[in-house]
Amino acid sequence: MRAHVGHDLLLLPGAGGVVRDERGRILLLRRSDNGQWSLPAGMIEPGEQPAEAALREIYEETGVRAEIERLAGVGIHETRYPNGDHCSYLSVWFRCRPVGGQARPDGDESLEVGWFAPDELPPVSEPTKLRIETTAAPDGPPWFAPAP
């Protein structure tokens, strides 16, 4: 697609999860494209439900198998990547818990993977902070931006 549109803005559907273990630690990965710490997330494939995409991305990027506990939010955020690509993501995120697997980087999208206590997080982006905050309560309401 980028061959046709260059670096122009694209609207893309994405899904991800905030995986919290029994000690309350949060699963983060250090991204290979920009070196920043982030939550596991990625594109929803054609015909795939957001929950399915979130669990797939968590496993692919971190090696952790997760289970969804609740819908945590839906929102739009824009990103410009180091290569100049400009994207507006329609993101759905979930509060999840680990149910198996072993935390490890995939060597492609993730360079490092780790569990972090909420008060000991590495620097993360504002969208990542929002997702972490909206999953703090096990039974909190889903977040969304209010209509103007």
N, C-alpha and C. Protein backbone atom coordinates (compact mmCIF):
# COMPACT_ATOMS: atom_id res chain seq x y z
N MET A 1 0.82 -1.19 0.00
CA MET A 1 0.00 0.00 0.00
C MET A 1 0.87 1.26 0.00
N ARG A 2 1.95 1.24 0.78
CA ARG A 2 2.82 2.41 0.84
C ARG A 2 3.42 2.73 -0.52
N ALA A 3 3.58 1.74 -1.39
CA ALA A 3 4.09 1.98 -2.74
C ALA A 3 3.16 2.90 -3.51
N HIS A 4 1.87 2.86 -3.17
CA HIS A 4 0.88 3.69 -3.87
C HIS A 4 0.66 5.04 -3.22
N VAL A 5 0.75 5.11 -1.89
CA VAL A 5 0.43 6.37 -1.19
C VAL A 5 1.64 7.08 -0.61
N GLY A 6 2.80 6.46 -0.71
CA GLY A 6 4.00 7.08 -0.12
C GLY A 6 3.88 7.17 1.38
N HIS A 7 4.26 8.32 1.94
CA HIS A 7 4.23 8.50 3.40
C HIS A 7 2.93 9.17 3.86
N ASP A 8 1.95 9.35 2.96
CA ASP A 8 0.70 10.03 3.31
C ASP A 8 -0.03 9.32 4.44
N LEU A 9 -0.93 10.08 5.09
CA LEU A 9 -1.70 9.59 6.21
C LEU A 9 -2.61 8.43 5.80
N LEU A 10 -2.55 7.33 6.58
CA LEU A 10 -3.44 6.19 6.40
C LEU A 10 -4.21 5.95 7.69
N LEU A 11 -5.50 5.61 7.57
CA LEU A 11 -6.30 5.19 8.71
C LEU A 11 -6.23 3.67 8.77
N LEU A 12 -5.77 3.15 9.90
CA LEU A 12 -5.54 1.71 10.04
C LEU A 12 -6.17 1.18 11.32
N PRO A 13 -6.84 0.02 11.25
CA PRO A 13 -7.44 -0.58 12.45
C PRO A 13 -6.41 -1.42 13.21
N GLY A 14 -6.34 -1.21 14.52
CA GLY A 14 -5.39 -1.95 15.33
C GLY A 14 -6.01 -2.44 16.62
N ALA A 15 -5.36 -3.42 17.24
CA ALA A 15 -5.83 -3.96 18.51
C ALA A 15 -4.61 -4.35 19.34
N GLY A 16 -4.77 -4.29 20.65
CA GLY A 16 -3.69 -4.65 21.54
C GLY A 16 -4.20 -4.93 22.93
N GLY A 17 -3.26 -5.24 23.81
CA GLY A 17 -3.65 -5.56 25.16
C GLY A 17 -2.66 -5.09 26.19
N VAL A 18 -3.20 -4.79 27.36
CA VAL A 18 -2.39 -4.51 28.54
C VAL A 18 -2.45 -5.79 29.37
N VAL A 19 -1.35 -6.54 29.36
CA VAL A 19 -1.29 -7.80 30.08
C VAL A 19 -0.73 -7.53 31.46
N ARG A 20 -1.52 -7.88 32.48
CA ARG A 20 -1.13 -7.66 33.88
C ARG A 20 -1.07 -9.03 34.56
N ASP A 21 0.08 -9.31 35.17
CA ASP A 21 0.23 -10.60 35.84
C ASP A 21 -0.36 -10.55 37.25
N GLU A 22 -0.28 -11.68 37.98
CA GLU A 22 -0.88 -11.79 39.31
C GLU A 22 -0.25 -10.83 40.31
N ARG A 23 0.95 -10.33 40.03
CA ARG A 23 1.61 -9.35 40.90
C ARG A 23 1.33 -7.91 40.48
N GLY A 24 0.53 -7.74 39.41
CA GLY A 24 0.18 -6.41 38.93
C GLY A 24 1.17 -5.82 37.94
N ARG A 25 2.20 -6.59 37.59
CA ARG A 25 3.19 -6.09 36.64
C ARG A 25 2.60 -6.07 35.23
N ILE A 26 3.13 -5.17 34.42
CA ILE A 26 2.64 -4.95 33.06
C ILE A 26 3.68 -5.43 32.06
N LEU A 27 3.22 -6.15 31.05
CA LEU A 27 4.08 -6.67 29.99
C LEU A 27 4.33 -5.59 28.95
N LEU A 28 5.61 -5.25 28.75
CA LEU A 28 6.00 -4.26 27.75
C LEU A 28 7.04 -4.86 26.82
N LEU A 29 7.13 -4.29 25.64
CA LEU A 29 8.17 -4.68 24.69
C LEU A 29 8.87 -3.43 24.18
N ARG A 30 10.15 -3.57 23.85
CA ARG A 30 10.88 -2.46 23.22
C ARG A 30 10.84 -2.70 21.73
N ARG A 31 10.23 -1.73 21.03
CA ARG A 31 9.97 -1.85 19.59
C ARG A 31 11.25 -1.76 18.77
N SER A 32 11.30 -2.52 17.70
CA SER A 32 12.47 -2.50 16.84
C SER A 32 12.47 -1.29 15.89
N ASP A 33 11.29 -0.73 15.59
CA ASP A 33 11.24 0.38 14.63
C ASP A 33 11.66 1.72 15.21
N ASN A 34 11.44 1.92 16.53
CA ASN A 34 11.81 3.21 17.12
C ASN A 34 12.53 3.09 18.46
N GLY A 35 12.73 1.87 18.95
CA GLY A 35 13.45 1.66 20.20
C GLY A 35 12.68 2.00 21.46
N GLN A 36 11.42 2.39 21.34
CA GLN A 36 10.63 2.79 22.50
C GLN A 36 9.92 1.60 23.12
N TRP A 37 9.68 1.71 24.43
CA TRP A 37 8.91 0.70 25.13
C TRP A 37 7.43 0.94 24.84
N SER A 38 6.70 -0.15 24.63
CA SER A 38 5.30 -0.06 24.24
C SER A 38 4.56 -1.31 24.68
N LEU A 39 3.26 -1.29 24.49
CA LEU A 39 2.41 -2.45 24.73
C LEU A 39 2.31 -3.28 23.46
N PRO A 40 2.10 -4.58 23.59
CA PRO A 40 1.91 -5.39 22.38
C PRO A 40 0.61 -4.99 21.67
N ALA A 41 0.72 -4.77 20.38
CA ALA A 41 -0.43 -4.36 19.58
C ALA A 41 -0.06 -4.47 18.11
N GLY A 42 -1.07 -4.45 17.27
CA GLY A 42 -0.79 -4.50 15.84
C GLY A 42 -2.07 -4.42 15.03
N MET A 43 -1.91 -4.63 13.75
CA MET A 43 -3.00 -4.48 12.80
C MET A 43 -4.01 -5.63 12.90
N ILE A 44 -5.27 -5.27 12.74
CA ILE A 44 -6.33 -6.27 12.63
C ILE A 44 -6.34 -6.75 11.18
N GLU A 45 -6.26 -8.04 10.99
CA GLU A 45 -6.25 -8.60 9.64
C GLU A 45 -7.67 -8.71 9.10
N PRO A 46 -7.85 -8.70 7.78
CA PRO A 46 -9.20 -8.82 7.21
C PRO A 46 -9.93 -10.05 7.77
N GLY A 47 -11.16 -9.84 8.23
CA GLY A 47 -11.98 -10.90 8.77
C GLY A 47 -11.69 -11.26 10.21
N GLU A 48 -10.69 -10.64 10.83
CA GLU A 48 -10.30 -10.94 12.20
C GLU A 48 -11.02 -10.01 13.18
N GLN A 49 -11.49 -10.56 14.27
CA GLN A 49 -12.11 -9.75 15.31
C GLN A 49 -11.01 -9.05 16.12
N PRO A 50 -11.29 -7.85 16.68
CA PRO A 50 -10.27 -7.16 17.47
C PRO A 50 -9.70 -7.99 18.63
N ALA A 51 -10.53 -8.73 19.34
CA ALA A 51 -10.04 -9.55 20.45
C ALA A 51 -9.07 -10.61 19.96
N GLU A 52 -9.40 -11.24 18.85
CA GLU A 52 -8.53 -12.25 18.26
C GLU A 52 -7.19 -11.63 17.85
N ALA A 53 -7.25 -10.46 17.23
CA ALA A 53 -6.03 -9.76 16.80
C ALA A 53 -5.16 -9.40 18.00
N ALA A 54 -5.78 -8.91 19.08
CA ALA A 54 -5.01 -8.53 20.27
C ALA A 54 -4.26 -9.73 20.84
N LEU A 55 -4.94 -10.85 20.98
CA LEU A 55 -4.28 -12.04 21.54
C LEU A 55 -3.19 -12.56 20.62
N ARG A 56 -3.43 -12.51 19.33
CA ARG A 56 -2.41 -12.94 18.35
C ARG A 56 -1.18 -12.06 18.45
N GLU A 57 -1.37 -10.74 18.48
CA GLU A 57 -0.25 -9.80 18.55
C GLU A 57 0.53 -9.96 19.85
N ILE A 58 -0.17 -10.14 20.97
CA ILE A 58 0.52 -10.34 22.24
C ILE A 58 1.45 -11.54 22.13
N TYR A 59 0.94 -12.65 21.62
CA TYR A 59 1.77 -13.85 21.51
C TYR A 59 2.91 -13.67 20.51
N GLU A 60 2.60 -13.14 19.33
CA GLU A 60 3.64 -12.98 18.31
C GLU A 60 4.79 -12.10 18.79
N GLU A 61 4.48 -11.00 19.45
CA GLU A 61 5.49 -10.03 19.82
C GLU A 61 6.21 -10.34 21.12
N THR A 62 5.55 -11.10 22.03
CA THR A 62 6.14 -11.31 23.36
C THR A 62 6.31 -12.77 23.77
N GLY A 63 5.67 -13.70 23.08
CA GLY A 63 5.72 -15.11 23.48
C GLY A 63 4.78 -15.46 24.61
N VAL A 64 4.02 -14.49 25.11
CA VAL A 64 3.08 -14.72 26.21
C VAL A 64 1.69 -15.01 25.65
N ARG A 65 1.09 -16.07 26.13
CA ARG A 65 -0.30 -16.37 25.80
C ARG A 65 -1.17 -15.66 26.83
N ALA A 66 -2.20 -14.98 26.35
CA ALA A 66 -3.04 -14.18 27.24
C ALA A 66 -4.50 -14.52 27.05
N GLU A 67 -5.28 -14.08 28.02
CA GLU A 67 -6.73 -14.20 28.00
C GLU A 67 -7.29 -12.82 28.27
N ILE A 68 -8.34 -12.46 27.56
CA ILE A 68 -8.96 -11.14 27.74
C ILE A 68 -9.86 -11.16 28.95
N GLU A 69 -9.70 -10.14 29.79
CA GLU A 69 -10.57 -9.96 30.96
C GLU A 69 -11.70 -8.99 30.67
N ARG A 70 -11.38 -7.93 29.90
CA ARG A 70 -12.43 -6.95 29.57
C ARG A 70 -11.95 -6.01 28.49
N LEU A 71 -12.92 -5.39 27.82
CA LEU A 71 -12.62 -4.29 26.90
C LEU A 71 -12.17 -3.10 27.73
N ALA A 72 -11.07 -2.48 27.34
CA ALA A 72 -10.54 -1.36 28.11
C ALA A 72 -10.75 -0.02 27.42
N GLY A 73 -10.77 0.00 26.08
CA GLY A 73 -10.97 1.28 25.42
C GLY A 73 -10.90 1.20 23.92
N VAL A 74 -11.29 2.30 23.32
CA VAL A 74 -11.21 2.46 21.87
C VAL A 74 -10.92 3.93 21.59
N GLY A 75 -10.01 4.19 20.68
CA GLY A 75 -9.65 5.57 20.39
C GLY A 75 -8.78 5.67 19.15
N ILE A 76 -8.52 6.89 18.77
CA ILE A 76 -7.68 7.21 17.61
C ILE A 76 -6.40 7.85 18.12
N HIS A 77 -5.27 7.46 17.55
CA HIS A 77 -4.03 8.19 17.80
C HIS A 77 -3.20 8.19 16.52
N GLU A 78 -2.51 9.29 16.32
CA GLU A 78 -1.67 9.44 15.12
C GLU A 78 -0.21 9.21 15.48
N THR A 79 0.50 8.65 14.53
CA THR A 79 1.92 8.37 14.69
C THR A 79 2.64 8.68 13.39
N ARG A 80 3.83 9.25 13.52
CA ARG A 80 4.72 9.40 12.37
C ARG A 80 5.98 8.61 12.69
N TYR A 81 6.28 7.63 11.84
CA TYR A 81 7.41 6.74 12.06
C TYR A 81 8.71 7.37 11.56
N PRO A 82 9.85 6.87 12.05
CA PRO A 82 11.14 7.42 11.64
C PRO A 82 11.35 7.43 10.11
N ASN A 83 10.71 6.50 9.40
CA ASN A 83 10.86 6.46 7.94
C ASN A 83 9.94 7.45 7.23
N GLY A 84 9.12 8.19 8.00
CA GLY A 84 8.24 9.20 7.42
C GLY A 84 6.79 8.74 7.25
N ASP A 85 6.50 7.47 7.42
CA ASP A 85 5.13 6.99 7.31
C ASP A 85 4.26 7.67 8.36
N HIS A 86 3.06 8.10 7.94
CA HIS A 86 2.12 8.80 8.81
C HIS A 86 0.86 7.95 8.91
N CYS A 87 0.48 7.56 10.13
CA CYS A 87 -0.66 6.69 10.34
C CYS A 87 -1.58 7.24 11.41
N SER A 88 -2.87 7.05 11.20
CA SER A 88 -3.88 7.32 12.21
C SER A 88 -4.50 5.96 12.54
N TYR A 89 -4.29 5.51 13.77
CA TYR A 89 -4.77 4.19 14.17
C TYR A 89 -6.10 4.30 14.90
N LEU A 90 -7.06 3.51 14.47
CA LEU A 90 -8.27 3.28 15.24
C LEU A 90 -7.95 2.07 16.08
N SER A 91 -7.73 2.27 17.37
CA SER A 91 -7.23 1.22 18.24
C SER A 91 -8.28 0.76 19.24
N VAL A 92 -8.34 -0.55 19.41
CA VAL A 92 -9.16 -1.18 20.43
C VAL A 92 -8.18 -1.89 21.36
N TRP A 93 -8.31 -1.67 22.66
CA TRP A 93 -7.40 -2.36 23.58
C TRP A 93 -8.18 -3.02 24.71
N PHE A 94 -7.54 -4.06 25.26
CA PHE A 94 -8.17 -4.92 26.24
C PHE A 94 -7.28 -5.07 27.47
N ARG A 95 -7.90 -5.29 28.62
CA ARG A 95 -7.16 -5.70 29.81
C ARG A 95 -7.06 -7.22 29.72
N CYS A 96 -5.84 -7.75 29.88
CA CYS A 96 -5.60 -9.18 29.73
C CYS A 96 -4.80 -9.71 30.91
N ARG A 97 -4.80 -11.04 31.02
CA ARG A 97 -3.96 -11.71 32.00
C ARG A 97 -3.19 -12.81 31.30
N PRO A 98 -1.97 -13.10 31.74
CA PRO A 98 -1.19 -14.16 31.10
C PRO A 98 -1.73 -15.54 31.50
N VAL A 99 -1.72 -16.47 30.55
CA VAL A 99 -2.17 -17.84 30.84
C VAL A 99 -1.15 -18.87 30.37
N GLY A 100 -0.03 -18.43 29.83
CA GLY A 100 0.99 -19.38 29.40
C GLY A 100 2.07 -18.70 28.58
N GLY A 101 2.96 -19.51 28.05
CA GLY A 101 4.05 -18.99 27.24
C GLY A 101 5.19 -18.47 28.09
N GLN A 102 6.20 -17.99 27.41
CA GLN A 102 7.41 -17.47 28.05
C GLN A 102 7.73 -16.12 27.43
N ALA A 103 7.87 -15.08 28.24
CA ALA A 103 8.19 -13.75 27.73
C ALA A 103 9.54 -13.76 27.04
N ARG A 104 9.54 -13.36 25.75
CA ARG A 104 10.76 -13.30 24.95
C ARG A 104 10.50 -12.38 23.76
N PRO A 105 11.53 -11.67 23.30
CA PRO A 105 11.36 -10.83 22.11
C PRO A 105 11.26 -11.72 20.87
N ASP A 106 10.57 -11.21 19.85
CA ASP A 106 10.46 -11.99 18.62
C ASP A 106 11.63 -11.74 17.67
N GLY A 107 12.47 -10.73 17.96
CA GLY A 107 13.62 -10.44 17.12
C GLY A 107 13.29 -9.68 15.86
N ASP A 108 12.01 -9.43 15.64
CA ASP A 108 11.57 -8.69 14.46
C ASP A 108 10.92 -7.38 14.91
N GLU A 109 9.76 -7.46 15.53
CA GLU A 109 9.08 -6.26 16.00
C GLU A 109 9.49 -5.87 17.42
N SER A 110 9.94 -6.85 18.21
CA SER A 110 10.34 -6.57 19.58
C SER A 110 11.80 -6.95 19.81
N LEU A 111 12.53 -6.03 20.43
CA LEU A 111 13.95 -6.25 20.75
C LEU A 111 14.14 -6.76 22.17
N GLU A 112 13.27 -6.34 23.07
CA GLU A 112 13.28 -6.76 24.47
C GLU A 112 11.85 -6.89 24.94
N VAL A 113 11.63 -7.75 25.92
CA VAL A 113 10.32 -7.92 26.54
C VAL A 113 10.55 -7.99 28.04
N GLY A 114 9.68 -7.35 28.80
CA GLY A 114 9.83 -7.40 30.24
C GLY A 114 8.54 -7.11 30.97
N TRP A 115 8.51 -7.53 32.24
CA TRP A 115 7.40 -7.24 33.15
C TRP A 115 7.82 -6.09 34.05
N PHE A 116 6.96 -5.08 34.18
CA PHE A 116 7.28 -3.88 34.94
C PHE A 116 6.18 -3.56 35.94
N ALA A 117 6.59 -3.25 37.16
CA ALA A 117 5.63 -2.75 38.15
C ALA A 117 5.11 -1.40 37.66
N PRO A 118 3.84 -1.09 37.91
CA PRO A 118 3.28 0.18 37.43
C PRO A 118 4.07 1.42 37.86
N ASP A 119 4.73 1.37 39.01
CA ASP A 119 5.49 2.53 39.48
C ASP A 119 6.96 2.48 39.03
N GLU A 120 7.32 1.50 38.20
CA GLU A 120 8.70 1.37 37.71
C GLU A 120 8.75 1.21 36.19
N LEU A 121 7.80 1.82 35.49
CA LEU A 121 7.75 1.71 34.04
C LEU A 121 8.87 2.52 33.39
N PRO A 122 9.41 2.03 32.29
CA PRO A 122 10.33 2.86 31.51
C PRO A 122 9.52 3.97 30.83
N PRO A 123 10.17 4.95 30.22
CA PRO A 123 9.42 5.99 29.51
C PRO A 123 8.56 5.36 28.41
N VAL A 124 7.28 5.78 28.35
CA VAL A 124 6.35 5.29 27.34
C VAL A 124 5.57 6.47 26.76
N SER A 125 4.96 6.27 25.61
CA SER A 125 4.20 7.31 24.93
C SER A 125 2.90 7.63 25.67
N GLU A 126 2.29 8.73 25.31
CA GLU A 126 1.00 9.12 25.92
C GLU A 126 -0.08 8.09 25.62
N PRO A 127 -0.22 7.57 24.37
CA PRO A 127 -1.24 6.53 24.16
C PRO A 127 -1.00 5.29 25.03
N THR A 128 0.25 4.93 25.25
CA THR A 128 0.55 3.78 26.10
C THR A 128 0.17 4.08 27.55
N LYS A 129 0.47 5.28 28.02
CA LYS A 129 0.07 5.67 29.38
C LYS A 129 -1.45 5.58 29.55
N LEU A 130 -2.19 6.07 28.56
CA LEU A 130 -3.65 6.03 28.61
C LEU A 130 -4.14 4.59 28.72
N ARG A 131 -3.58 3.71 27.93
CA ARG A 131 -4.01 2.31 27.94
C ARG A 131 -3.69 1.65 29.28
N ILE A 132 -2.55 1.97 29.84
CA ILE A 132 -2.20 1.41 31.15
C ILE A 132 -3.17 1.94 32.22
N GLU A 133 -3.45 3.24 32.19
CA GLU A 133 -4.37 3.84 33.17
C GLU A 133 -5.77 3.26 33.05
N THR A 134 -6.25 3.02 31.83
CA THR A 134 -7.62 2.54 31.63
C THR A 134 -7.78 1.06 31.96
N THR A 135 -6.69 0.39 32.27
CA THR A 135 -6.77 -1.02 32.65
C THR A 135 -6.39 -1.24 34.11
N ALA A 136 -6.20 -0.17 34.85
CA ALA A 136 -5.80 -0.30 36.25
C ALA A 136 -6.86 -1.04 37.07
N ALA A 137 -8.12 -0.72 36.88
CA ALA A 137 -9.20 -1.38 37.62
C ALA A 137 -9.63 -2.64 36.88
N PRO A 138 -9.74 -3.75 37.59
CA PRO A 138 -10.15 -4.99 36.93
C PRO A 138 -11.54 -4.90 36.28
N ASP A 139 -12.41 -4.05 36.83
CA ASP A 139 -13.78 -3.98 36.31
C ASP A 139 -14.16 -2.57 35.87
N GLY A 140 -13.19 -1.76 35.46
CA GLY A 140 -13.46 -0.39 35.05
C GLY A 140 -14.23 -0.33 33.74
N PRO A 141 -14.85 0.81 33.47
CA PRO A 141 -15.59 0.97 32.22
C PRO A 141 -14.62 1.17 31.04
N PRO A 142 -15.04 0.82 29.84
CA PRO A 142 -14.19 1.09 28.67
C PRO A 142 -14.00 2.60 28.48
N TRP A 143 -12.80 2.99 28.06
CA TRP A 143 -12.50 4.40 27.79
C TRP A 143 -12.84 4.73 26.33
N PHE A 144 -13.31 5.94 26.10
CA PHE A 144 -13.46 6.47 24.75
C PHE A 144 -13.45 7.98 24.85
N ALA A 145 -13.02 8.63 23.77
CA ALA A 145 -13.01 10.09 23.73
C ALA A 145 -14.44 10.57 23.58
N PRO A 146 -14.87 11.52 24.40
CA PRO A 146 -16.25 12.01 24.27
C PRO A 146 -16.45 12.76 22.95
N ALA A 147 -17.66 12.69 22.44
CA ALA A 147 -17.99 13.42 21.22
C ALA A 147 -17.96 14.91 21.52
N PRO A 148 -17.49 15.70 20.56
CA PRO A 148 -17.42 17.15 20.81
C PRO A 148 -18.81 17.77 20.92
